[in-house]
Protein backbone atom coordinates (compact mmCIF):
# COMPACT_ATOMS: atom_id res chain seq x y z
CA UNK A 1 0.00 0.00 0.00
CA UNK A 2 1.36 3.41 -0.98
CA UNK A 3 0.60 6.47 1.09
CA UNK A 4 0.42 10.00 -0.25
CA UNK A 5 2.87 12.36 1.42
CA UNK A 6 1.19 14.88 3.68
CA UNK A 7 3.42 17.66 2.33
CA UNK A 8 4.18 17.97 -1.37
CA UNK A 9 6.90 20.29 -2.56
CA UNK A 10 7.83 21.80 -5.94
CA UNK A 11 10.99 23.81 -6.45
CA UNK A 12 11.11 26.49 -9.15
CA UNK A 13 14.16 28.60 -9.86
CA UNK A 14 14.52 31.49 -12.26
CA UNK A 15 17.48 33.83 -12.33
CA UNK A 16 17.94 35.32 -8.87
CA UNK A 17 14.66 34.12 -7.31
CA UNK A 18 13.75 30.62 -6.21
CA UNK A 19 10.23 29.60 -5.30
CA UNK A 20 9.28 26.62 -3.18
CA UNK A 21 5.63 25.62 -3.54
CA UNK A 22 4.15 23.69 -0.62
CA UNK A 23 0.88 21.74 -0.60
CA UNK A 24 -0.61 19.85 2.31
CA UNK A 25 0.38 19.76 5.97
CA UNK A 26 3.46 21.52 7.33
CA UNK A 27 4.50 19.25 10.18
CA UNK A 28 7.44 17.10 11.28
CA UNK A 29 6.84 14.51 8.54
CA UNK A 30 7.52 16.96 5.70
CA UNK A 31 10.35 18.97 7.22
CA UNK A 32 13.23 16.87 5.82
CA UNK A 33 12.06 17.58 2.26
CA UNK A 34 11.62 21.29 3.01
CA UNK A 35 15.09 21.48 4.55
CA UNK A 36 16.62 19.66 1.57
CA UNK A 37 14.91 22.02 -0.90
CA UNK A 38 16.07 25.13 0.98
CA UNK A 39 19.64 23.85 1.19
CA UNK A 40 19.59 22.98 -2.52
CA UNK A 41 18.48 26.51 -3.35
CA UNK A 42 21.06 28.05 -1.04
CA UNK A 43 23.87 26.19 -2.80
CA UNK A 44 22.70 27.36 -6.23
CA UNK A 45 24.77 30.25 -7.55
CA UNK A 46 23.00 33.54 -8.09
CA UNK A 47 19.95 32.96 -5.90
CA UNK A 48 19.22 36.21 -4.08
CA UNK A 49 15.69 35.57 -2.78
CA UNK A 50 13.59 32.57 -1.77
CA UNK A 51 9.80 32.66 -1.68
CA UNK A 52 7.91 29.83 -0.02
CA UNK A 53 4.39 29.74 -1.45
CA UNK A 54 2.10 28.27 1.21
CA UNK A 55 -1.27 28.98 -0.48
CA UNK A 56 -2.09 25.28 -0.84
CA UNK A 57 -1.20 24.26 2.70
CA UNK A 58 -3.98 23.12 5.01
CA UNK A 59 -2.26 22.74 8.38
CA UNK A 60 0.83 23.85 10.28
CA UNK A 61 1.77 22.74 13.77
CA UNK A 62 4.58 23.82 16.08
CA UNK A 63 7.06 21.53 14.31
CA UNK A 64 6.06 23.15 11.02
CA UNK A 65 6.58 26.65 12.42
CA UNK A 66 9.95 25.54 13.78
CA UNK A 67 10.93 24.13 10.37
CA UNK A 68 9.92 27.33 8.58
CA UNK A 69 11.89 29.35 11.10
CA UNK A 70 14.96 27.12 10.67
CA UNK A 71 14.70 27.53 6.89
CA UNK A 72 14.53 31.31 7.31
CA UNK A 73 17.56 31.33 9.61
CA UNK A 74 19.61 29.09 7.28
CA UNK A 75 18.88 31.49 4.42
CA UNK A 76 19.67 34.52 6.54
CA UNK A 77 23.08 33.03 7.42
CA UNK A 78 23.82 33.11 3.70
CA UNK A 79 22.35 36.61 3.34
CA UNK A 80 19.44 35.38 1.22
CA UNK A 81 16.00 36.60 2.28
CA UNK A 82 13.40 33.85 2.64
CA UNK A 83 9.75 34.85 2.97
CA UNK A 84 6.41 33.14 2.95
CA UNK A 85 4.03 34.27 0.21
CA UNK A 86 0.33 33.71 -0.48
CA UNK A 87 -0.23 32.93 3.18
CA UNK A 88 -3.69 31.48 3.96
CA UNK A 89 -5.71 32.93 6.83
CA UNK A 90 -5.08 30.05 9.26
CA UNK A 91 -1.30 30.42 8.86
CA UNK A 92 -1.40 34.22 8.96
CA UNK A 93 -3.16 33.97 12.32
CA UNK A 94 -0.61 31.44 13.60
CA UNK A 95 2.27 33.72 12.55
CA UNK A 96 0.56 36.65 14.25
CA UNK A 97 0.04 34.75 17.51
CA UNK A 98 3.64 33.56 17.58
CA UNK A 99 5.04 36.99 16.70
CA UNK A 100 6.64 35.71 13.48
CA UNK A 101 4.68 37.71 10.90
CA UNK A 102 7.39 40.29 10.26
CA UNK A 103 10.20 37.74 10.26
CA UNK A 104 8.65 35.11 8.00
CA UNK A 105 6.49 37.28 5.78
CA UNK A 106 8.79 40.27 5.60
CA UNK A 107 5.97 42.61 6.55
CA UNK A 108 4.19 43.86 9.60
CA UNK A 109 0.57 42.98 10.17
PDB file of N, CA and C in Angstrom:
ATOM      1  N   UNK A   1       0.836  -1.172   0.000  1.00  0.00           N
ATOM      2  CA  UNK A   1       0.000   0.000   0.000  1.00  0.00           C
ATOM      3  C   UNK A   1       0.890   1.247   0.000  1.00  0.00           C
ATOM      4  N   UNK A   2       0.607   2.170  -0.882  1.00  0.00           N
ATOM      5  CA  UNK A   2       1.364   3.407  -0.985  1.00  0.00           C
ATOM      6  C   UNK A   2       0.575   4.526  -0.322  1.00  0.00           C
ATOM      7  N   UNK A   3       1.268   5.336   0.450  1.00  0.00           N
ATOM      8  CA  UNK A   3       0.599   6.469   1.086  1.00  0.00           C
ATOM      9  C   UNK A   3       1.029   7.749   0.394  1.00  0.00           C
ATOM     10  N   UNK A   4       0.132   8.690   0.334  1.00  0.00           N
ATOM     11  CA  UNK A   4       0.419   9.995  -0.245  1.00  0.00           C
ATOM     12  C   UNK A   4       1.107  10.840   0.810  1.00  0.00           C
ATOM     13  N   UNK A   5       2.204  11.517   0.427  1.00  0.00           N
ATOM     14  CA  UNK A   5       2.867  12.364   1.423  1.00  0.00           C
ATOM     15  C   UNK A   5       1.943  13.485   1.873  1.00  0.00           C
ATOM     16  N   UNK A   6       2.050  13.829   3.142  1.00  0.00           N
ATOM     17  CA  UNK A   6       1.188  14.879   3.680  1.00  0.00           C
ATOM     18  C   UNK A   6       1.645  16.262   3.250  1.00  0.00           C
ATOM     19  N   UNK A   7       2.911  16.395   2.831  1.00  0.00           N
ATOM     20  CA  UNK A   7       3.424  17.663   2.329  1.00  0.00           C
ATOM     21  C   UNK A   7       4.093  17.404   0.990  1.00  0.00           C
ATOM     22  N   UNK A   8       3.573  18.058  -0.039  1.00  0.00           N
ATOM     23  CA  UNK A   8       4.184  17.972  -1.366  1.00  0.00           C
ATOM     24  C   UNK A   8       4.936  19.267  -1.623  1.00  0.00           C
ATOM     25  N   UNK A   9       6.018  19.155  -2.369  1.00  0.00           N
ATOM     26  CA  UNK A   9       6.897  20.294  -2.564  1.00  0.00           C
ATOM     27  C   UNK A   9       7.335  20.353  -4.022  1.00  0.00           C
ATOM     28  N   UNK A  10       7.313  21.563  -4.592  1.00  0.00           N
ATOM     29  CA  UNK A  10       7.830  21.796  -5.940  1.00  0.00           C
ATOM     30  C   UNK A  10       8.810  22.949  -5.846  1.00  0.00           C
ATOM     31  N   UNK A  11       9.947  22.784  -6.473  1.00  0.00           N
ATOM     32  CA  UNK A  11      10.987  23.815  -6.446  1.00  0.00           C
ATOM     33  C   UNK A  11      11.110  24.431  -7.830  1.00  0.00           C
ATOM     34  N   UNK A  12      10.966  25.746  -7.904  1.00  0.00           N
ATOM     35  CA  UNK A  12      11.107  26.494  -9.152  1.00  0.00           C
ATOM     36  C   UNK A  12      12.214  27.516  -8.968  1.00  0.00           C
ATOM     37  N   UNK A  13      13.088  27.613  -9.949  1.00  0.00           N
ATOM     38  CA  UNK A  13      14.163  28.601  -9.857  1.00  0.00           C
ATOM     39  C   UNK A  13      14.268  29.347 -11.181  1.00  0.00           C
ATOM     40  N   UNK A  14      14.348  30.649 -11.081  1.00  0.00           N
ATOM     41  CA  UNK A  14      14.522  31.488 -12.262  1.00  0.00           C
ATOM     42  C   UNK A  14      15.408  32.657 -11.887  1.00  0.00           C
ATOM     43  N   UNK A  15      16.534  32.742 -12.562  1.00  0.00           N
ATOM     44  CA  UNK A  15      17.485  33.834 -12.333  1.00  0.00           C
ATOM     45  C   UNK A  15      17.851  33.943 -10.854  1.00  0.00           C
ATOM     46  N   UNK A  16      17.512  35.075 -10.248  1.00  0.00           N
ATOM     47  CA  UNK A  16      17.943  35.320  -8.872  1.00  0.00           C
ATOM     48  C   UNK A  16      16.898  34.920  -7.829  1.00  0.00           C
ATOM     49  N   UNK A  17      15.707  34.483  -8.254  1.00  0.00           N
ATOM     50  CA  UNK A  17      14.657  34.122  -7.306  1.00  0.00           C
ATOM     51  C   UNK A  17      14.325  32.636  -7.421  1.00  0.00           C
ATOM     52  N   UNK A  18      14.211  32.001  -6.259  1.00  0.00           N
ATOM     53  CA  UNK A  18      13.754  30.615  -6.209  1.00  0.00           C
ATOM     54  C   UNK A  18      12.414  30.598  -5.489  1.00  0.00           C
ATOM     55  N   UNK A  19      11.537  29.735  -5.938  1.00  0.00           N
ATOM     56  CA  UNK A  19      10.230  29.601  -5.304  1.00  0.00           C
ATOM     57  C   UNK A  19      10.021  28.141  -4.923  1.00  0.00           C
ATOM     58  N   UNK A  20       9.611  27.946  -3.678  1.00  0.00           N
ATOM     59  CA  UNK A  20       9.281  26.619  -3.183  1.00  0.00           C
ATOM     60  C   UNK A  20       7.774  26.597  -2.947  1.00  0.00           C
ATOM     61  N   UNK A  21       7.084  25.744  -3.673  1.00  0.00           N
ATOM     62  CA  UNK A  21       5.632  25.625  -3.536  1.00  0.00           C
ATOM     63  C   UNK A  21       5.325  24.459  -2.608  1.00  0.00           C
ATOM     64  N   UNK A  22       4.535  24.726  -1.576  1.00  0.00           N
ATOM     65  CA  UNK A  22       4.148  23.685  -0.624  1.00  0.00           C
ATOM     66  C   UNK A  22       2.653  23.407  -0.754  1.00  0.00           C
ATOM     67  N   UNK A  23       2.291  22.126  -0.610  1.00  0.00           N
ATOM     68  CA  UNK A  23       0.875  21.738  -0.604  1.00  0.00           C
ATOM     69  C   UNK A  23       0.686  20.660   0.447  1.00  0.00           C
ATOM     70  N   UNK A  24      -0.308  20.845   1.294  1.00  0.00           N
ATOM     71  CA  UNK A  24      -0.606  19.849   2.315  1.00  0.00           C
ATOM     72  C   UNK A  24      -0.322  20.359   3.708  1.00  0.00           C
ATOM     73  N   UNK A  25       0.170  19.462   4.548  1.00  0.00           N
ATOM     74  CA  UNK A  25       0.375  19.755   5.966  1.00  0.00           C
ATOM     75  C   UNK A  25       1.842  20.033   6.271  1.00  0.00           C
ATOM     76  N   UNK A  26       2.091  21.179   6.924  1.00  0.00           N
ATOM     77  CA  UNK A  26       3.456  21.521   7.329  1.00  0.00           C
ATOM     78  C   UNK A  26       3.631  21.017   8.763  1.00  0.00           C
ATOM     79  N   UNK A  27       4.255  19.846   8.866  1.00  0.00           N
ATOM     80  CA  UNK A  27       4.498  19.253  10.181  1.00  0.00           C
ATOM     81  C   UNK A  27       5.816  18.484  10.126  1.00  0.00           C
ATOM     82  N   UNK A  28       6.138  17.783  11.173  1.00  0.00           N
ATOM     83  CA  UNK A  28       7.437  17.100  11.284  1.00  0.00           C
ATOM     84  C   UNK A  28       7.687  16.133  10.131  1.00  0.00           C
ATOM     85  N   UNK A  29       6.646  15.505   9.607  1.00  0.00           N
ATOM     86  CA  UNK A  29       6.838  14.515   8.539  1.00  0.00           C
ATOM     87  C   UNK A  29       7.421  15.117   7.266  1.00  0.00           C
ATOM     88  N   UNK A  30       7.065  16.355   6.946  1.00  0.00           N
ATOM     89  CA  UNK A  30       7.519  16.962   5.700  1.00  0.00           C
ATOM     90  C   UNK A  30       8.754  17.834   5.819  1.00  0.00           C
ATOM     91  N   UNK A  31       9.231  18.044   7.025  1.00  0.00           N
ATOM     92  CA  UNK A  31      10.350  18.967   7.216  1.00  0.00           C
ATOM     93  C   UNK A  31      11.664  18.529   6.569  1.00  0.00           C
ATOM     94  N   UNK A  32      11.987  17.232   6.505  1.00  0.00           N
ATOM     95  CA  UNK A  32      13.230  16.868   5.821  1.00  0.00           C
ATOM     96  C   UNK A  32      13.247  17.310   4.350  1.00  0.00           C
ATOM     97  N   UNK A  33      12.136  17.160   3.651  1.00  0.00           N
ATOM     98  CA  UNK A  33      12.060  17.577   2.256  1.00  0.00           C
ATOM     99  C   UNK A  33      12.174  19.097   2.130  1.00  0.00           C
ATOM    100  N   UNK A  34      11.529  19.827   3.030  1.00  0.00           N
ATOM    101  CA  UNK A  34      11.616  21.286   3.013  1.00  0.00           C
ATOM    102  C   UNK A  34      13.058  21.720   3.252  1.00  0.00           C
ATOM    103  N   UNK A  35      13.706  21.136   4.241  1.00  0.00           N
ATOM    104  CA  UNK A  35      15.089  21.484   4.550  1.00  0.00           C
ATOM    105  C   UNK A  35      15.999  21.186   3.351  1.00  0.00           C
ATOM    106  N   UNK A  36      15.816  20.037   2.728  1.00  0.00           N
ATOM    107  CA  UNK A  36      16.618  19.661   1.571  1.00  0.00           C
ATOM    108  C   UNK A  36      16.423  20.658   0.428  1.00  0.00           C
ATOM    109  N   UNK A  37      15.190  21.060   0.168  1.00  0.00           N
ATOM    110  CA  UNK A  37      14.911  22.024  -0.904  1.00  0.00           C
ATOM    111  C   UNK A  37      15.565  23.371  -0.618  1.00  0.00           C
ATOM    112  N   UNK A  38      15.462  23.843   0.618  1.00  0.00           N
ATOM    113  CA  UNK A  38      16.066  25.133   0.977  1.00  0.00           C
ATOM    114  C   UNK A  38      17.577  25.056   0.835  1.00  0.00           C
ATOM    115  N   UNK A  39      18.190  23.975   1.293  1.00  0.00           N
ATOM    116  CA  UNK A  39      19.644  23.853   1.189  1.00  0.00           C
ATOM    117  C   UNK A  39      20.081  23.748  -0.268  1.00  0.00           C
ATOM    118  N   UNK A  40      19.285  23.074  -1.087  1.00  0.00           N
ATOM    119  CA  UNK A  40      19.588  22.976  -2.516  1.00  0.00           C
ATOM    120  C   UNK A  40      19.574  24.363  -3.150  1.00  0.00           C
ATOM    121  N   UNK A  41      18.571  25.152  -2.823  1.00  0.00           N
ATOM    122  CA  UNK A  41      18.481  26.509  -3.351  1.00  0.00           C
ATOM    123  C   UNK A  41      19.656  27.350  -2.878  1.00  0.00           C
ATOM    124  N   UNK A  42      19.993  27.235  -1.605  1.00  0.00           N
ATOM    125  CA  UNK A  42      21.059  28.052  -1.039  1.00  0.00           C
ATOM    126  C   UNK A  42      22.435  27.718  -1.613  1.00  0.00           C
ATOM    127  N   UNK A  43      22.599  26.526  -2.174  1.00  0.00           N
ATOM    128  CA  UNK A  43      23.869  26.186  -2.798  1.00  0.00           C
ATOM    129  C   UNK A  43      23.882  26.504  -4.286  1.00  0.00           C
ATOM    130  N   UNK A  44      22.762  26.968  -4.823  1.00  0.00           N
ATOM    131  CA  UNK A  44      22.695  27.364  -6.230  1.00  0.00           C
ATOM    132  C   UNK A  44      23.284  28.753  -6.395  1.00  0.00           C
ATOM    133  N   UNK A  45      24.177  28.921  -7.358  1.00  0.00           N
ATOM    134  CA  UNK A  45      24.771  30.251  -7.546  1.00  0.00           C
ATOM    135  C   UNK A  45      23.740  31.248  -8.065  1.00  0.00           C
ATOM    136  N   UNK A  46      23.833  32.462  -7.577  1.00  0.00           N
ATOM    137  CA  UNK A  46      22.998  33.543  -8.092  1.00  0.00           C
ATOM    138  C   UNK A  46      21.656  33.726  -7.419  1.00  0.00           C
ATOM    139  N   UNK A  47      21.245  32.807  -6.560  1.00  0.00           N
ATOM    140  CA  UNK A  47      19.949  32.961  -5.896  1.00  0.00           C
ATOM    141  C   UNK A  47      20.062  34.072  -4.860  1.00  0.00           C
ATOM    142  N   UNK A  48      19.186  35.062  -4.985  1.00  0.00           N
ATOM    143  CA  UNK A  48      19.216  36.208  -4.082  1.00  0.00           C
ATOM    144  C   UNK A  48      17.948  36.338  -3.250  1.00  0.00           C
ATOM    145  N   UNK A  49      16.952  35.504  -3.520  1.00  0.00           N
ATOM    146  CA  UNK A  49      15.693  35.574  -2.778  1.00  0.00           C
ATOM    147  C   UNK A  49      14.995  34.221  -2.890  1.00  0.00           C
ATOM    148  N   UNK A  50      14.383  33.804  -1.786  1.00  0.00           N
ATOM    149  CA  UNK A  50      13.586  32.574  -1.770  1.00  0.00           C
ATOM    150  C   UNK A  50      12.180  32.939  -1.307  1.00  0.00           C
ATOM    151  N   UNK A  51      11.196  32.509  -2.083  1.00  0.00           N
ATOM    152  CA  UNK A  51       9.799  32.661  -1.678  1.00  0.00           C
ATOM    153  C   UNK A  51       9.217  31.276  -1.465  1.00  0.00           C
ATOM    154  N   UNK A  52       8.579  31.093  -0.323  1.00  0.00           N
ATOM    155  CA  UNK A  52       7.911  29.830  -0.017  1.00  0.00           C
ATOM    156  C   UNK A  52       6.414  30.093  -0.129  1.00  0.00           C
ATOM    157  N   UNK A  53       5.817  29.545  -1.177  1.00  0.00           N
ATOM    158  CA  UNK A  53       4.390  29.737  -1.449  1.00  0.00           C
ATOM    159  C   UNK A  53       3.613  28.697  -0.647  1.00  0.00           C
ATOM    160  N   UNK A  54       2.829  29.173   0.305  1.00  0.00           N
ATOM    161  CA  UNK A  54       2.098  28.274   1.205  1.00  0.00           C
ATOM    162  C   UNK A  54       0.584  28.315   0.965  1.00  0.00           C
ATOM    163  N   UNK A  55       0.161  28.819  -0.182  1.00  0.00           N
ATOM    164  CA  UNK A  55      -1.270  28.977  -0.476  1.00  0.00           C
ATOM    165  C   UNK A  55      -2.036  27.661  -0.418  1.00  0.00           C
ATOM    166  N   UNK A  56      -1.390  26.568  -0.781  1.00  0.00           N
ATOM    167  CA  UNK A  56      -2.087  25.281  -0.840  1.00  0.00           C
ATOM    168  C   UNK A  56      -1.865  24.413   0.396  1.00  0.00           C
ATOM    169  N   UNK A  57      -1.362  25.021   1.462  1.00  0.00           N
ATOM    170  CA  UNK A  57      -1.200  24.260   2.702  1.00  0.00           C
ATOM    171  C   UNK A  57      -2.515  24.285   3.475  1.00  0.00           C
ATOM    172  N   UNK A  58      -2.726  23.253   4.267  1.00  0.00           N
ATOM    173  CA  UNK A  58      -3.977  23.124   5.007  1.00  0.00           C
ATOM    174  C   UNK A  58      -3.783  23.068   6.515  1.00  0.00           C
ATOM    175  N   UNK A  59      -2.523  22.928   6.951  1.00  0.00           N
ATOM    176  CA  UNK A  59      -2.263  22.740   8.376  1.00  0.00           C
ATOM    177  C   UNK A  59      -0.809  23.068   8.653  1.00  0.00           C
ATOM    178  N   UNK A  60      -0.541  23.618   9.824  1.00  0.00           N
ATOM    179  CA  UNK A  60       0.834  23.847  10.276  1.00  0.00           C
ATOM    180  C   UNK A  60       0.837  23.755  11.795  1.00  0.00           C
ATOM    181  N   UNK A  61       1.675  22.869  12.319  1.00  0.00           N
ATOM    182  CA  UNK A  61       1.769  22.743  13.767  1.00  0.00           C
ATOM    183  C   UNK A  61       3.076  23.383  14.253  1.00  0.00           C
ATOM    184  N   UNK A  62       3.388  23.192  15.525  1.00  0.00           N
ATOM    185  CA  UNK A  62       4.582  23.823  16.083  1.00  0.00           C
ATOM    186  C   UNK A  62       5.860  23.314  15.410  1.00  0.00           C
ATOM    187  N   UNK A  63       5.892  22.053  15.025  1.00  0.00           N
ATOM    188  CA  UNK A  63       7.061  21.531  14.308  1.00  0.00           C
ATOM    189  C   UNK A  63       7.185  22.211  12.948  1.00  0.00           C
ATOM    190  N   UNK A  64       6.059  22.450  12.298  1.00  0.00           N
ATOM    191  CA  UNK A  64       6.065  23.149  11.017  1.00  0.00           C
ATOM    192  C   UNK A  64       6.574  24.573  11.148  1.00  0.00           C
ATOM    193  N   UNK A  65       6.098  25.277  12.172  1.00  0.00           N
ATOM    194  CA  UNK A  65       6.579  26.648  12.419  1.00  0.00           C
ATOM    195  C   UNK A  65       8.082  26.623  12.680  1.00  0.00           C
ATOM    196  N   UNK A  66       8.533  25.667  13.475  1.00  0.00           N
ATOM    197  CA  UNK A  66       9.949  25.540  13.781  1.00  0.00           C
ATOM    198  C   UNK A  66      10.756  25.282  12.505  1.00  0.00           C
ATOM    199  N   UNK A  67      10.245  24.426  11.635  1.00  0.00           N
ATOM    200  CA  UNK A  67      10.930  24.130  10.375  1.00  0.00           C
ATOM    201  C   UNK A  67      11.004  25.334   9.459  1.00  0.00           C
ATOM    202  N   UNK A  68       9.915  26.107   9.388  1.00  0.00           N
ATOM    203  CA  UNK A  68       9.921  27.327   8.576  1.00  0.00           C
ATOM    204  C   UNK A  68      10.909  28.341   9.144  1.00  0.00           C
ATOM    205  N   UNK A  69      10.951  28.429  10.450  1.00  0.00           N
ATOM    206  CA  UNK A  69      11.885  29.353  11.097  1.00  0.00           C
ATOM    207  C   UNK A  69      13.334  28.914  10.850  1.00  0.00           C
ATOM    208  N   UNK A  70      13.612  27.618  10.946  1.00  0.00           N
ATOM    209  CA  UNK A  70      14.961  27.116  10.669  1.00  0.00           C
ATOM    210  C   UNK A  70      15.364  27.389   9.222  1.00  0.00           C
ATOM    211  N   UNK A  71      14.429  27.240   8.296  1.00  0.00           N
ATOM    212  CA  UNK A  71      14.704  27.532   6.887  1.00  0.00           C
ATOM    213  C   UNK A  71      15.051  29.009   6.714  1.00  0.00           C
ATOM    214  N   UNK A  72      14.279  29.868   7.374  1.00  0.00           N
ATOM    215  CA  UNK A  72      14.534  31.308   7.306  1.00  0.00           C
ATOM    216  C   UNK A  72      15.920  31.637   7.858  1.00  0.00           C
ATOM    217  N   UNK A  73      16.265  31.049   8.984  1.00  0.00           N
ATOM    218  CA  UNK A  73      17.563  31.332   9.611  1.00  0.00           C
ATOM    219  C   UNK A  73      18.731  30.801   8.770  1.00  0.00           C
ATOM    220  N   UNK A  74      18.561  29.631   8.148  1.00  0.00           N
ATOM    221  CA  UNK A  74      19.611  29.089   7.276  1.00  0.00           C
ATOM    222  C   UNK A  74      19.842  30.021   6.091  1.00  0.00           C
ATOM    223  N   UNK A  75      18.752  30.552   5.539  1.00  0.00           N
ATOM    224  CA  UNK A  75      18.876  31.487   4.416  1.00  0.00           C
ATOM    225  C   UNK A  75      19.516  32.792   4.874  1.00  0.00           C
ATOM    226  N   UNK A  76      19.114  33.266   6.031  1.00  0.00           N
ATOM    227  CA  UNK A  76      19.669  34.521   6.542  1.00  0.00           C
ATOM    228  C   UNK A  76      21.176  34.410   6.781  1.00  0.00           C
ATOM    229  N   UNK A  77      21.640  33.241   7.231  1.00  0.00           N
ATOM    230  CA  UNK A  77      23.075  33.032   7.423  1.00  0.00           C
ATOM    231  C   UNK A  77      23.845  33.221   6.124  1.00  0.00           C
ATOM    232  N   UNK A  78      23.189  32.960   5.018  1.00  0.00           N
ATOM    233  CA  UNK A  78      23.821  33.113   3.697  1.00  0.00           C
ATOM    234  C   UNK A  78      23.398  34.410   3.021  1.00  0.00           C
ATOM    235  N   UNK A  79      22.781  35.282   3.806  1.00  0.00           N
ATOM    236  CA  UNK A  79      22.345  36.605   3.342  1.00  0.00           C
ATOM    237  C   UNK A  79      21.367  36.532   2.173  1.00  0.00           C
ATOM    238  N   UNK A  80      20.493  35.540   2.222  1.00  0.00           N
ATOM    239  CA  UNK A  80      19.443  35.376   1.224  1.00  0.00           C
ATOM    240  C   UNK A  80      18.104  35.494   1.945  1.00  0.00           C
ATOM    241  N   UNK A  81      17.299  36.501   1.620  1.00  0.00           N
ATOM    242  CA  UNK A  81      15.997  36.602   2.280  1.00  0.00           C
ATOM    243  C   UNK A  81      15.081  35.444   1.882  1.00  0.00           C
ATOM    244  N   UNK A  82      14.393  34.900   2.861  1.00  0.00           N
ATOM    245  CA  UNK A  82      13.400  33.851   2.641  1.00  0.00           C
ATOM    246  C   UNK A  82      12.111  34.325   3.276  1.00  0.00           C
ATOM    247  N   UNK A  83      11.049  34.391   2.478  1.00  0.00           N
ATOM    248  CA  UNK A  83       9.751  34.855   2.973  1.00  0.00           C
ATOM    249  C   UNK A  83       8.638  33.943   2.502  1.00  0.00           C
ATOM    250  N   UNK A  84       7.619  33.845   3.332  1.00  0.00           N
ATOM    251  CA  UNK A  84       6.408  33.136   2.954  1.00  0.00           C
ATOM    252  C   UNK A  84       5.551  34.056   2.104  1.00  0.00           C
ATOM    253  N   UNK A  85       4.937  33.502   1.061  1.00  0.00           N
ATOM    254  CA  UNK A  85       4.033  34.269   0.209  1.00  0.00           C
ATOM    255  C   UNK A  85       2.720  33.514   0.061  1.00  0.00           C
ATOM    256  N   UNK A  86       1.687  34.261  -0.299  1.00  0.00           N
ATOM    257  CA  UNK A  86       0.328  33.714  -0.477  1.00  0.00           C
ATOM    258  C   UNK A  86      -0.086  32.910   0.762  1.00  0.00           C
ATOM    259  N   UNK A  87       0.015  33.567   1.893  1.00  0.00           N
ATOM    260  CA  UNK A  87      -0.226  32.932   3.184  1.00  0.00           C
ATOM    261  C   UNK A  87      -1.731  32.835   3.448  1.00  0.00           C
ATOM    262  N   UNK A  88      -2.263  31.629   3.658  1.00  0.00           N
ATOM    263  CA  UNK A  88      -3.686  31.481   3.963  1.00  0.00           C
ATOM    264  C   UNK A  88      -4.012  32.020   5.363  1.00  0.00           C
ATOM    265  N   UNK A  89      -5.272  32.299   5.583  1.00  0.00           N
ATOM    266  CA  UNK A  89      -5.714  32.933   6.833  1.00  0.00           C
ATOM    267  C   UNK A  89      -5.297  32.150   8.075  1.00  0.00           C
ATOM    268  N   UNK A  90      -5.425  30.821   8.054  1.00  0.00           N
ATOM    269  CA  UNK A  90      -5.081  30.046   9.257  1.00  0.00           C
ATOM    270  C   UNK A  90      -3.607  30.239   9.623  1.00  0.00           C
ATOM    271  N   UNK A  91      -2.726  30.285   8.599  1.00  0.00           N
ATOM    272  CA  UNK A  91      -1.300  30.423   8.861  1.00  0.00           C
ATOM    273  C   UNK A  91      -0.940  31.868   9.209  1.00  0.00           C
ATOM    274  N   UNK A  92      -1.622  32.814   8.602  1.00  0.00           N
ATOM    275  CA  UNK A  92      -1.397  34.223   8.959  1.00  0.00           C
ATOM    276  C   UNK A  92      -1.704  34.441  10.430  1.00  0.00           C
ATOM    277  N   UNK A  93      -2.784  33.843  10.902  1.00  0.00           N
ATOM    278  CA  UNK A  93      -3.159  33.967  12.316  1.00  0.00           C
ATOM    279  C   UNK A  93      -2.115  33.300  13.212  1.00  0.00           C
ATOM    280  N   UNK A  94      -1.633  32.145  12.821  1.00  0.00           N
ATOM    281  CA  UNK A  94      -0.609  31.442  13.598  1.00  0.00           C
ATOM    282  C   UNK A  94       0.683  32.257  13.669  1.00  0.00           C
ATOM    283  N   UNK A  95       1.076  32.863  12.560  1.00  0.00           N
ATOM    284  CA  UNK A  95       2.268  33.720  12.552  1.00  0.00           C
ATOM    285  C   UNK A  95       2.068  34.933  13.436  1.00  0.00           C
ATOM    286  N   UNK A  96       0.864  35.488  13.415  1.00  0.00           N
ATOM    287  CA  UNK A  96       0.557  36.651  14.252  1.00  0.00           C
ATOM    288  C   UNK A  96       0.647  36.297  15.734  1.00  0.00           C
ATOM    289  N   UNK A  97       0.061  35.177  16.105  1.00  0.00           N
ATOM    290  CA  UNK A  97       0.035  34.749  17.508  1.00  0.00           C
ATOM    291  C   UNK A  97       1.443  34.451  18.018  1.00  0.00           C
ATOM    292  N   UNK A  98       2.293  33.908  17.159  1.00  0.00           N
ATOM    293  CA  UNK A  98       3.643  33.555  17.577  1.00  0.00           C
ATOM    294  C   UNK A  98       4.632  34.716  17.421  1.00  0.00           C
ATOM    295  N   UNK A  99       4.174  35.821  16.871  1.00  0.00           N
ATOM    296  CA  UNK A  99       5.044  36.986  16.696  1.00  0.00           C
ATOM    297  C   UNK A  99       6.025  36.847  15.538  1.00  0.00           C
ATOM    298  N   UNK A 100       5.721  35.978  14.582  1.00  0.00           N
ATOM    299  CA  UNK A 100       6.643  35.711  13.482  1.00  0.00           C
ATOM    300  C   UNK A 100       6.215  36.330  12.149  1.00  0.00           C
ATOM    301  N   UNK A 101       5.166  37.124  12.158  1.00  0.00           N
ATOM    302  CA  UNK A 101       4.682  37.710  10.903  1.00  0.00           C
ATOM    303  C   UNK A 101       5.766  38.506  10.199  1.00  0.00           C
ATOM    304  N   UNK A 102       6.379  39.434  10.881  1.00  0.00           N
ATOM    305  CA  UNK A 102       7.386  40.288  10.257  1.00  0.00           C
ATOM    306  C   UNK A 102       8.581  39.464   9.791  1.00  0.00           C
ATOM    307  N   UNK A 103       9.029  38.535  10.597  1.00  0.00           N
ATOM    308  CA  UNK A 103      10.204  37.739  10.263  1.00  0.00           C
ATOM    309  C   UNK A 103       9.957  36.831   9.056  1.00  0.00           C
ATOM    310  N   UNK A 104       8.867  36.095   9.050  1.00  0.00           N
ATOM    311  CA  UNK A 104       8.650  35.107   8.004  1.00  0.00           C
ATOM    312  C   UNK A 104       7.914  35.638   6.772  1.00  0.00           C
ATOM    313  N   UNK A 105       7.175  36.714   6.939  1.00  0.00           N
ATOM    314  CA  UNK A 105       6.487  37.281   5.777  1.00  0.00           C
ATOM    315  C   UNK A 105       7.182  38.524   5.250  1.00  0.00           C
ATOM    316  N   UNK A 106       8.088  39.069   6.037  1.00  0.00           N
ATOM    317  CA  UNK A 106       8.790  40.274   5.601  1.00  0.00           C
ATOM    318  C   UNK A 106       7.929  41.503   5.623  1.00  0.00           C
ATOM    319  N   UNK A 107       6.878  41.477   6.435  1.00  0.00           N
ATOM    320  CA  UNK A 107       5.973  42.614   6.547  1.00  0.00           C
ATOM    321  C   UNK A 107       5.392  42.651   7.943  1.00  0.00           C
ATOM    322  N   UNK A 108       4.880  43.774   8.310  1.00  0.00           N
ATOM    323  CA  UNK A 108       4.194  43.863   9.605  1.00  0.00           C
ATOM    324  C   UNK A 108       2.708  43.767   9.373  1.00  0.00           C
ATOM    325  N   UNK A 109       2.027  43.144  10.293  1.00  0.00           N
ATOM    326  CA  UNK A 109       0.575  42.977  10.166  1.00  0.00           C
ATOM    327  C   UNK A 109      -0.073  43.362  11.463  1.00  0.00           C
TER     328      UNK A 109
END
